[in-house]
Amino acid sequence: MSESYIAHLVQAREDFRKFLDVTHKQARVCIMHDSDADGVTAGVVLQRALERLGYTSVARLAPDRERNAWTPGKKFCDFRRAAKQKTLATKQH
C-alpha cells in the first residue's frame, strides 16, 4: 500500500470517529450508498456496524441509477432533506 493510501485510511477513520462523537445513538441516521452490488454491501455492513454500536434508528438509501451521492447536481441534497436525518455517505475507491 502506498503512503498516500494509508494516510487516506487514517483520515477516513478519524472522520468516522468524529461522526460517531457528534451523533447521539438515538439520532436518525441515513446511510446513502450506490445501488450496485458493492455499494449495497457497504451500506448493509455499515448499517449493521452502527446497530451493533447501539444506534437505534439507522436506515439505508440507495439512489436510482440516474442519481448518486457523489456527483454535484444529482439530487444528493434533496435526498438528505427528504430523509430528514443525519446522512453518512459511503464511497468505494
PDB file of N, CA and C in Angstrom:
ATOM      1  N   MET A   1       0.829  -1.178   0.000  1.00  0.00           N
ATOM      2  CA  MET A   1       0.000   0.000   0.000  1.00  0.00           C
ATOM      3  C   MET A   1       0.877   1.246   0.000  1.00  0.00           C
ATOM      4  N   SER A   2       0.443   2.238  -0.754  1.00  0.00           N
ATOM      5  CA  SER A   2       1.201   3.482  -0.803  1.00  0.00           C
ATOM      6  C   SER A   2       0.973   4.300   0.466  1.00  0.00           C
ATOM      7  N   GLU A   3       1.895   5.197   0.735  1.00  0.00           N
ATOM      8  CA  GLU A   3       1.766   6.052   1.913  1.00  0.00           C
ATOM      9  C   GLU A   3       0.532   6.943   1.814  1.00  0.00           C
ATOM     10  N   SER A   4       0.213   7.405   0.616  1.00  0.00           N
ATOM     11  CA  SER A   4      -0.964   8.275   0.463  1.00  0.00           C
ATOM     12  C   SER A   4      -2.253   7.488   0.722  1.00  0.00           C
ATOM     13  N   TYR A   5      -2.291   6.228   0.334  1.00  0.00           N
ATOM     14  CA  TYR A   5      -3.460   5.398   0.595  1.00  0.00           C
ATOM     15  C   TYR A   5      -3.627   5.173   2.097  1.00  0.00           C
ATOM     16  N   ILE A   6      -2.536   4.882   2.765  1.00  0.00           N
ATOM     17  CA  ILE A   6      -2.580   4.687   4.212  1.00  0.00           C
ATOM     18  C   ILE A   6      -3.022   5.974   4.900  1.00  0.00           C
ATOM     19  N   ALA A   7      -2.504   7.107   4.448  1.00  0.00           N
ATOM     20  CA  ALA A   7      -2.919   8.396   5.016  1.00  0.00           C
ATOM     21  C   ALA A   7      -4.413   8.621   4.811  1.00  0.00           C
ATOM     22  N   HIS A   8      -4.924   8.230   3.651  1.00  0.00           N
ATOM     23  CA  HIS A   8      -6.358   8.356   3.373  1.00  0.00           C
ATOM     24  C   HIS A   8      -7.169   7.489   4.336  1.00  0.00           C
ATOM     25  N   LEU A   9      -6.728   6.274   4.597  1.00  0.00           N
ATOM     26  CA  LEU A   9      -7.429   5.392   5.527  1.00  0.00           C
ATOM     27  C   LEU A   9      -7.411   5.955   6.946  1.00  0.00           C
ATOM     28  N   VAL A  10      -6.280   6.496   7.345  1.00  0.00           N
ATOM     29  CA  VAL A  10      -6.180   7.099   8.673  1.00  0.00           C
ATOM     30  C   VAL A  10      -7.151   8.270   8.788  1.00  0.00           C
ATOM     31  N   GLN A  11      -7.218   9.120   7.750  1.00  0.00           N
ATOM     32  CA  GLN A  11      -8.134  10.255   7.753  1.00  0.00           C
ATOM     33  C   GLN A  11      -9.583   9.791   7.763  1.00  0.00           C
ATOM     34  N   ALA A  12      -9.899   8.747   7.006  1.00  0.00           N
ATOM     35  CA  ALA A  12     -11.267   8.217   6.975  1.00  0.00           C
ATOM     36  C   ALA A  12     -11.662   7.700   8.358  1.00  0.00           C
ATOM     37  N   ARG A  13     -10.768   7.017   9.028  1.00  0.00           N
ATOM     38  CA  ARG A  13     -11.049   6.523  10.379  1.00  0.00           C
ATOM     39  C   ARG A  13     -11.295   7.686  11.331  1.00  0.00           C
ATOM     40  N   GLU A  14     -10.478   8.735  11.238  1.00  0.00           N
ATOM     41  CA  GLU A  14     -10.651   9.915  12.091  1.00  0.00           C
ATOM     42  C   GLU A  14     -11.991  10.601  11.811  1.00  0.00           C
ATOM     43  N   ASP A  15     -12.351  10.738  10.537  1.00  0.00           N
ATOM     44  CA  ASP A  15     -13.626  11.355  10.176  1.00  0.00           C
ATOM     45  C   ASP A  15     -14.802  10.539  10.706  1.00  0.00           C
ATOM     46  N   PHE A  16     -14.710   9.225  10.621  1.00  0.00           N
ATOM     47  CA  PHE A  16     -15.780   8.371  11.114  1.00  0.00           C
ATOM     48  C   PHE A  16     -15.912   8.494  12.629  1.00  0.00           C
ATOM     49  N   ARG A  17     -14.787   8.533  13.323  1.00  0.00           N
ATOM     50  CA  ARG A  17     -14.840   8.700  14.787  1.00  0.00           C
ATOM     51  C   ARG A  17     -15.457  10.037  15.165  1.00  0.00           C
ATOM     52  N   LYS A  18     -15.153  11.086  14.405  1.00  0.00           N
ATOM     53  CA  LYS A  18     -15.765  12.396  14.656  1.00  0.00           C
ATOM     54  C   LYS A  18     -17.278  12.313  14.463  1.00  0.00           C
ATOM     55  N   PHE A  19     -17.708  11.624  13.412  1.00  0.00           N
ATOM     56  CA  PHE A  19     -19.137  11.431  13.169  1.00  0.00           C
ATOM     57  C   PHE A  19     -19.785  10.739  14.361  1.00  0.00           C
ATOM     58  N   LEU A  20     -19.159   9.674  14.846  1.00  0.00           N
ATOM     59  CA  LEU A  20     -19.702   8.947  15.986  1.00  0.00           C
ATOM     60  C   LEU A  20     -19.731   9.819  17.238  1.00  0.00           C
ATOM     61  N   ASP A  21     -18.706  10.647  17.419  1.00  0.00           N
ATOM     62  CA  ASP A  21     -18.634  11.504  18.604  1.00  0.00           C
ATOM     63  C   ASP A  21     -19.753  12.533  18.657  1.00  0.00           C
ATOM     64  N   VAL A  22     -20.201  13.017  17.502  1.00  0.00           N
ATOM     65  CA  VAL A  22     -21.209  14.085  17.494  1.00  0.00           C
ATOM     66  C   VAL A  22     -22.622  13.576  17.229  1.00  0.00           C
ATOM     67  N   THR A  23     -22.776  12.287  17.008  1.00  0.00           N
ATOM     68  CA  THR A  23     -24.082  11.727  16.682  1.00  0.00           C
ATOM     69  C   THR A  23     -24.594  10.891  17.851  1.00  0.00           C
ATOM     70  N   HIS A  24     -25.698  11.314  18.425  1.00  0.00           N
ATOM     71  CA  HIS A  24     -26.301  10.568  19.536  1.00  0.00           C
ATOM     72  C   HIS A  24     -26.813   9.222  19.040  1.00  0.00           C
ATOM     73  N   LYS A  25     -26.788   8.238  19.888  1.00  0.00           N
ATOM     74  CA  LYS A  25     -27.206   6.894  19.494  1.00  0.00           C
ATOM     75  C   LYS A  25     -28.698   6.795  19.199  1.00  0.00           C
ATOM     76  N   GLN A  26     -29.474   7.783  19.644  1.00  0.00           N
ATOM     77  CA  GLN A  26     -30.904   7.803  19.340  1.00  0.00           C
ATOM     78  C   GLN A  26     -31.204   8.641  18.084  1.00  0.00           C
ATOM     79  N   ALA A  27     -30.196   9.277  17.509  1.00  0.00           N
ATOM     80  CA  ALA A  27     -30.396  10.101  16.313  1.00  0.00           C
ATOM     81  C   ALA A  27     -30.788   9.225  15.128  1.00  0.00           C
ATOM     82  N   ARG A  28     -31.576   9.801  14.242  1.00  0.00           N
ATOM     83  CA  ARG A  28     -31.904   9.096  12.996  1.00  0.00           C
ATOM     84  C   ARG A  28     -30.727   9.264  12.041  1.00  0.00           C
ATOM     85  N   VAL A  29     -30.190   8.149  11.568  1.00  0.00           N
ATOM     86  CA  VAL A  29     -29.035   8.164  10.675  1.00  0.00           C
ATOM     87  C   VAL A  29     -29.436   7.485   9.372  1.00  0.00           C
ATOM     88  N   CYS A  30     -29.160   8.149   8.265  1.00  0.00           N
ATOM     89  CA  CYS A  30     -29.433   7.581   6.951  1.00  0.00           C
ATOM     90  C   CYS A  30     -28.108   7.383   6.223  1.00  0.00           C
ATOM     91  N   ILE A  31     -27.872   6.182   5.766  1.00  0.00           N
ATOM     92  CA  ILE A  31     -26.655   5.848   5.036  1.00  0.00           C
ATOM     93  C   ILE A  31     -26.991   5.849   3.548  1.00  0.00           C
ATOM     94  N   MET A  32     -26.351   6.726   2.799  1.00  0.00           N
ATOM     95  CA  MET A  32     -26.516   6.715   1.340  1.00  0.00           C
ATOM     96  C   MET A  32     -25.423   5.848   0.735  1.00  0.00           C
ATOM     97  N   HIS A  33     -25.816   5.019  -0.208  1.00  0.00           N
ATOM     98  CA  HIS A  33     -24.835   4.160  -0.880  1.00  0.00           C
ATOM     99  C   HIS A  33     -25.276   3.940  -2.311  1.00  0.00           C
ATOM    100  N   ASP A  34     -24.334   3.495  -3.131  1.00  0.00           N
ATOM    101  CA  ASP A  34     -24.671   3.188  -4.519  1.00  0.00           C
ATOM    102  C   ASP A  34     -25.611   1.991  -4.567  1.00  0.00           C
ATOM    103  N   SER A  35     -26.282   1.852  -5.702  1.00  0.00           N
ATOM    104  CA  SER A  35     -27.253   0.761  -5.847  1.00  0.00           C
ATOM    105  C   SER A  35     -26.648  -0.485  -6.492  1.00  0.00           C
ATOM    106  N   ASP A  36     -25.336  -0.469  -6.760  1.00  0.00           N
ATOM    107  CA  ASP A  36     -24.712  -1.666  -7.308  1.00  0.00           C
ATOM    108  C   ASP A  36     -24.332  -2.619  -6.161  1.00  0.00           C
ATOM    109  N   ALA A  37     -23.821  -3.787  -6.515  1.00  0.00           N
ATOM    110  CA  ALA A  37     -23.591  -4.840  -5.511  1.00  0.00           C
ATOM    111  C   ALA A  37     -22.643  -4.403  -4.406  1.00  0.00           C
ATOM    112  N   ASP A  38     -21.517  -3.776  -4.754  1.00  0.00           N
ATOM    113  CA  ASP A  38     -20.580  -3.391  -3.692  1.00  0.00           C
ATOM    114  C   ASP A  38     -21.104  -2.213  -2.877  1.00  0.00           C
ATOM    115  N   GLY A  39     -21.892  -1.341  -3.485  1.00  0.00           N
ATOM    116  CA  GLY A  39     -22.485  -0.228  -2.752  1.00  0.00           C
ATOM    117  C   GLY A  39     -23.507  -0.705  -1.737  1.00  0.00           C
ATOM    118  N   VAL A  40     -24.372  -1.622  -2.145  1.00  0.00           N
ATOM    119  CA  VAL A  40     -25.380  -2.168  -1.223  1.00  0.00           C
ATOM    120  C   VAL A  40     -24.689  -2.931  -0.096  1.00  0.00           C
ATOM    121  N   THR A  41     -23.673  -3.706  -0.443  1.00  0.00           N
ATOM    122  CA  THR A  41     -22.931  -4.457   0.578  1.00  0.00           C
ATOM    123  C   THR A  41     -22.304  -3.505   1.592  1.00  0.00           C
ATOM    124  N   ALA A  42     -21.657  -2.445   1.111  1.00  0.00           N
ATOM    125  CA  ALA A  42     -21.039  -1.462   2.016  1.00  0.00           C
ATOM    126  C   ALA A  42     -22.093  -0.815   2.910  1.00  0.00           C
ATOM    127  N   GLY A  43     -23.238  -0.485   2.343  1.00  0.00           N
ATOM    128  CA  GLY A  43     -24.305   0.126   3.120  1.00  0.00           C
ATOM    129  C   GLY A  43     -24.834  -0.779   4.210  1.00  0.00           C
ATOM    130  N   VAL A  44     -25.031  -2.044   3.885  1.00  0.00           N
ATOM    131  CA  VAL A  44     -25.539  -3.014   4.874  1.00  0.00           C
ATOM    132  C   VAL A  44     -24.504  -3.246   5.972  1.00  0.00           C
ATOM    133  N   VAL A  45     -23.238  -3.385   5.599  1.00  0.00           N
ATOM    134  CA  VAL A  45     -22.188  -3.597   6.601  1.00  0.00           C
ATOM    135  C   VAL A  45     -22.132  -2.404   7.551  1.00  0.00           C
ATOM    136  N   LEU A  46     -22.193  -1.187   7.016  1.00  0.00           N
ATOM    137  CA  LEU A  46     -22.157  -0.003   7.863  1.00  0.00           C
ATOM    138  C   LEU A  46     -23.400   0.089   8.744  1.00  0.00           C
ATOM    139  N   GLN A  47     -24.559  -0.237   8.181  1.00  0.00           N
ATOM    140  CA  GLN A  47     -25.794  -0.230   8.978  1.00  0.00           C
ATOM    141  C   GLN A  47     -25.677  -1.190  10.149  1.00  0.00           C
ATOM    142  N   ARG A  48     -25.243  -2.393   9.893  1.00  0.00           N
ATOM    143  CA  ARG A  48     -25.124  -3.396  10.961  1.00  0.00           C
ATOM    144  C   ARG A  48     -24.083  -2.979  11.997  1.00  0.00           C
ATOM    145  N   ALA A  49     -22.983  -2.376  11.547  1.00  0.00           N
ATOM    146  CA  ALA A  49     -21.957  -1.924  12.488  1.00  0.00           C
ATOM    147  C   ALA A  49     -22.516  -0.852  13.414  1.00  0.00           C
ATOM    148  N   LEU A  50     -23.258   0.107  12.862  1.00  0.00           N
ATOM    149  CA  LEU A  50     -23.855   1.158  13.686  1.00  0.00           C
ATOM    150  C   LEU A  50     -24.868   0.572  14.664  1.00  0.00           C
ATOM    151  N   GLU A  51     -25.657  -0.375  14.189  1.00  0.00           N
ATOM    152  CA  GLU A  51     -26.640  -1.018  15.080  1.00  0.00           C
ATOM    153  C   GLU A  51     -25.940  -1.758  16.215  1.00  0.00           C
ATOM    154  N   ARG A  52     -24.841  -2.426  15.921  1.00  0.00           N
ATOM    155  CA  ARG A  52     -24.097  -3.143  16.967  1.00  0.00           C
ATOM    156  C   ARG A  52     -23.451  -2.180  17.960  1.00  0.00           C
ATOM    157  N   LEU A  53     -23.187  -0.942  17.505  1.00  0.00           N
ATOM    158  CA  LEU A  53     -22.653   0.083  18.401  1.00  0.00           C
ATOM    159  C   LEU A  53     -23.746   0.736  19.245  1.00  0.00           C
ATOM    160  N   GLY A  54     -25.001   0.364  18.984  1.00  0.00           N
ATOM    161  CA  GLY A  54     -26.096   0.872  19.791  1.00  0.00           C
ATOM    162  C   GLY A  54     -26.952   1.943  19.144  1.00  0.00           C
ATOM    163  N   TYR A  55     -26.708   2.274  17.879  1.00  0.00           N
ATOM    164  CA  TYR A  55     -27.549   3.251  17.186  1.00  0.00           C
ATOM    165  C   TYR A  55     -28.897   2.601  16.895  1.00  0.00           C
ATOM    166  N   THR A  56     -29.972   3.292  17.252  1.00  0.00           N
ATOM    167  CA  THR A  56     -31.295   2.674  17.246  1.00  0.00           C
ATOM    168  C   THR A  56     -32.153   3.010  16.043  1.00  0.00           C
ATOM    169  N   SER A  57     -31.753   3.994  15.244  1.00  0.00           N
ATOM    170  CA  SER A  57     -32.573   4.389  14.099  1.00  0.00           C
ATOM    171  C   SER A  57     -31.685   4.600  12.880  1.00  0.00           C
ATOM    172  N   VAL A  58     -31.293   3.496  12.258  1.00  0.00           N
ATOM    173  CA  VAL A  58     -30.390   3.535  11.110  1.00  0.00           C
ATOM    174  C   VAL A  58     -31.140   3.049   9.880  1.00  0.00           C
ATOM    175  N   ALA A  59     -31.099   3.844   8.823  1.00  0.00           N
ATOM    176  CA  ALA A  59     -31.753   3.472   7.567  1.00  0.00           C
ATOM    177  C   ALA A  59     -30.744   3.589   6.427  1.00  0.00           C
ATOM    178  N   ARG A  60     -31.028   2.901   5.346  1.00  0.00           N
ATOM    179  CA  ARG A  60     -30.189   2.988   4.145  1.00  0.00           C
ATOM    180  C   ARG A  60     -31.007   3.586   3.007  1.00  0.00           C
ATOM    181  N   LEU A  61     -30.327   4.316   2.134  1.00  0.00           N
ATOM    182  CA  LEU A  61     -30.970   4.904   0.975  1.00  0.00           C
ATOM    183  C   LEU A  61     -30.055   4.732  -0.226  1.00  0.00           C
ATOM    184  N   ALA A  62     -30.544   4.032  -1.228  1.00  0.00           N
ATOM    185  CA  ALA A  62     -29.779   3.842  -2.465  1.00  0.00           C
ATOM    186  C   ALA A  62     -30.480   4.607  -3.577  1.00  0.00           C
ATOM    187  N   PRO A  63     -29.861   5.673  -4.097  1.00  0.00           N
ATOM    188  CA  PRO A  63     -30.486   6.407  -5.189  1.00  0.00           C
ATOM    189  C   PRO A  63     -30.574   5.540  -6.440  1.00  0.00           C
ATOM    190  N   ASP A  64     -31.471   5.917  -7.341  1.00  0.00           N
ATOM    191  CA  ASP A  64     -31.576   5.155  -8.588  1.00  0.00           C
ATOM    192  C   ASP A  64     -30.331   5.388  -9.445  1.00  0.00           C
ATOM    193  N   ARG A  65     -30.248   4.707 -10.569  1.00  0.00           N
ATOM    194  CA  ARG A  65     -29.064   4.760 -11.429  1.00  0.00           C
ATOM    195  C   ARG A  65     -28.829   6.132 -12.063  1.00  0.00           C
ATOM    196  N   GLU A  66     -29.840   6.970 -12.130  1.00  0.00           N
ATOM    197  CA  GLU A  66     -29.695   8.294 -12.722  1.00  0.00           C
ATOM    198  C   GLU A  66     -29.099   9.299 -11.744  1.00  0.00           C
ATOM    199  N   ARG A  67     -29.122   8.988 -10.464  1.00  0.00           N
ATOM    200  CA  ARG A  67     -28.611   9.890  -9.436  1.00  0.00           C
ATOM    201  C   ARG A  67     -27.614   9.140  -8.577  1.00  0.00           C
ATOM    202  N   ASN A  68     -26.782   9.904  -7.907  1.00  0.00           N
ATOM    203  CA  ASN A  68     -25.860   9.289  -6.962  1.00  0.00           C
ATOM    204  C   ASN A  68     -25.480  10.293  -5.899  1.00  0.00           C
ATOM    205  N   ALA A  69     -24.763   9.843  -4.913  1.00  0.00           N
ATOM    206  CA  ALA A  69     -24.405  10.694  -3.785  1.00  0.00           C
ATOM    207  C   ALA A  69     -23.158  11.523  -4.048  1.00  0.00           C
ATOM    208  N   TRP A  70     -22.476  11.278  -5.152  1.00  0.00           N
ATOM    209  CA  TRP A  70     -21.142  11.848  -5.318  1.00  0.00           C
ATOM    210  C   TRP A  70     -21.082  12.973  -6.354  1.00  0.00           C
ATOM    211  N   THR A  71     -21.953  12.985  -7.321  1.00  0.00           N
ATOM    212  CA  THR A  71     -21.880  13.952  -8.405  1.00  0.00           C
ATOM    213  C   THR A  71     -22.677  15.210  -8.076  1.00  0.00           C
ATOM    214  N   PRO A  72     -22.030  16.391  -8.099  1.00  0.00           N
ATOM    215  CA  PRO A  72     -22.775  17.629  -7.821  1.00  0.00           C
ATOM    216  C   PRO A  72     -23.966  17.776  -8.771  1.00  0.00           C
ATOM    217  N   GLY A  73     -25.054  18.285  -8.241  1.00  0.00           N
ATOM    218  CA  GLY A  73     -26.244  18.499  -9.058  1.00  0.00           C
ATOM    219  C   GLY A  73     -27.075  17.258  -9.303  1.00  0.00           C
ATOM    220  N   LYS A  74     -26.773  16.195  -8.613  1.00  0.00           N
ATOM    221  CA  LYS A  74     -27.502  14.936  -8.842  1.00  0.00           C
ATOM    222  C   LYS A  74     -28.467  14.605  -7.710  1.00  0.00           C
ATOM    223  N   LYS A  75     -28.986  15.616  -7.018  1.00  0.00           N
ATOM    224  CA  LYS A  75     -30.068  15.469  -6.049  1.00  0.00           C
ATOM    225  C   LYS A  75     -29.652  14.934  -4.690  1.00  0.00           C
ATOM    226  N   PHE A  76     -28.353  14.875  -4.361  1.00  0.00           N
ATOM    227  CA  PHE A  76     -27.945  14.404  -3.044  1.00  0.00           C
ATOM    228  C   PHE A  76     -28.606  15.219  -1.946  1.00  0.00           C
ATOM    229  N   CYS A  77     -28.601  16.531  -2.074  1.00  0.00           N
ATOM    230  CA  CYS A  77     -29.213  17.378  -1.031  1.00  0.00           C
ATOM    231  C   CYS A  77     -30.706  17.109  -0.916  1.00  0.00           C
ATOM    232  N   ASP A  78     -31.381  16.877  -2.038  1.00  0.00           N
ATOM    233  CA  ASP A  78     -32.805  16.565  -1.988  1.00  0.00           C
ATOM    234  C   ASP A  78     -33.055  15.274  -1.220  1.00  0.00           C
ATOM    235  N   PHE A  79     -32.205  14.267  -1.418  1.00  0.00           N
ATOM    236  CA  PHE A  79     -32.351  13.015  -0.682  1.00  0.00           C
ATOM    237  C   PHE A  79     -32.207  13.267   0.808  1.00  0.00           C
ATOM    238  N   ARG A  80     -31.216  14.089   1.178  1.00  0.00           N
ATOM    239  CA  ARG A  80     -30.972  14.352   2.585  1.00  0.00           C
ATOM    240  C   ARG A  80     -32.143  15.074   3.230  1.00  0.00           C
ATOM    241  N   ARG A  81     -32.691  16.070   2.546  1.00  0.00           N
ATOM    242  CA  ARG A  81     -33.844  16.777   3.091  1.00  0.00           C
ATOM    243  C   ARG A  81     -35.032  15.837   3.206  1.00  0.00           C
ATOM    244  N   ALA A  82     -35.224  14.994   2.210  1.00  0.00           N
ATOM    245  CA  ALA A  82     -36.353  14.061   2.234  1.00  0.00           C
ATOM    246  C   ALA A  82     -36.229  13.086   3.402  1.00  0.00           C
ATOM    247  N   ALA A  83     -35.029  12.647   3.673  1.00  0.00           N
ATOM    248  CA  ALA A  83     -34.813  11.698   4.765  1.00  0.00           C
ATOM    249  C   ALA A  83     -34.931  12.382   6.130  1.00  0.00           C
ATOM    250  N   LYS A  84     -34.661  13.687   6.189  1.00  0.00           N
ATOM    251  CA  LYS A  84     -34.690  14.455   7.445  1.00  0.00           C
ATOM    252  C   LYS A  84     -33.869  13.745   8.526  1.00  0.00           C
ATOM    253  N   GLN A  85     -32.715  13.277   8.112  1.00  0.00           N
ATOM    254  CA  GLN A  85     -31.841  12.545   9.017  1.00  0.00           C
ATOM    255  C   GLN A  85     -30.426  13.018   8.799  1.00  0.00           C
ATOM    256  N   LYS A  86     -29.570  12.706   9.762  1.00  0.00           N
ATOM    257  CA  LYS A  86     -28.144  12.884   9.503  1.00  0.00           C
ATOM    258  C   LYS A  86     -27.782  11.857   8.459  1.00  0.00           C
ATOM    259  N   THR A  87     -26.923  12.228   7.548  1.00  0.00           N
ATOM    260  CA  THR A  87     -26.565  11.315   6.472  1.00  0.00           C
ATOM    261  C   THR A  87     -25.082  10.994   6.543  1.00  0.00           C
ATOM    262  N   LEU A  88     -24.775   9.737   6.459  1.00  0.00           N
ATOM    263  CA  LEU A  88     -23.410   9.271   6.352  1.00  0.00           C
ATOM    264  C   LEU A  88     -23.300   8.579   5.006  1.00  0.00           C
ATOM    265  N   ALA A  89     -22.488   9.136   4.144  1.00  0.00           N
ATOM    266  CA  ALA A  89     -22.363   8.573   2.804  1.00  0.00           C
ATOM    267  C   ALA A  89     -21.139   7.664   2.735  1.00  0.00           C
ATOM    268  N   THR A  90     -21.288   6.523   2.101  1.00  0.00           N
ATOM    269  CA  THR A  90     -20.162   5.635   1.895  1.00  0.00           C
ATOM    270  C   THR A  90     -19.690   5.805   0.468  1.00  0.00           C
ATOM    271  N   LYS A  91     -18.410   5.639   0.255  1.00  0.00           N
ATOM    272  CA  LYS A  91     -17.858   5.760  -1.092  1.00  0.00           C
ATOM    273  C   LYS A  91     -16.746   4.737  -1.237  1.00  0.00           C
ATOM    274  N   GLN A  92     -16.845   3.946  -2.266  1.00  0.00           N
ATOM    275  CA  GLN A  92     -15.789   2.969  -2.536  1.00  0.00           C
ATOM    276  C   GLN A  92     -14.763   3.613  -3.447  1.00  0.00           C
ATOM    277  N   HIS A  93     -13.489   3.269  -3.262  1.00  0.00           N
ATOM    278  CA  HIS A  93     -12.414   3.800  -4.107  1.00  0.00           C
ATOM    279  C   HIS A  93     -11.837   2.683  -4.933  1.00  0.00           C
TER     280      HIS A  93
END
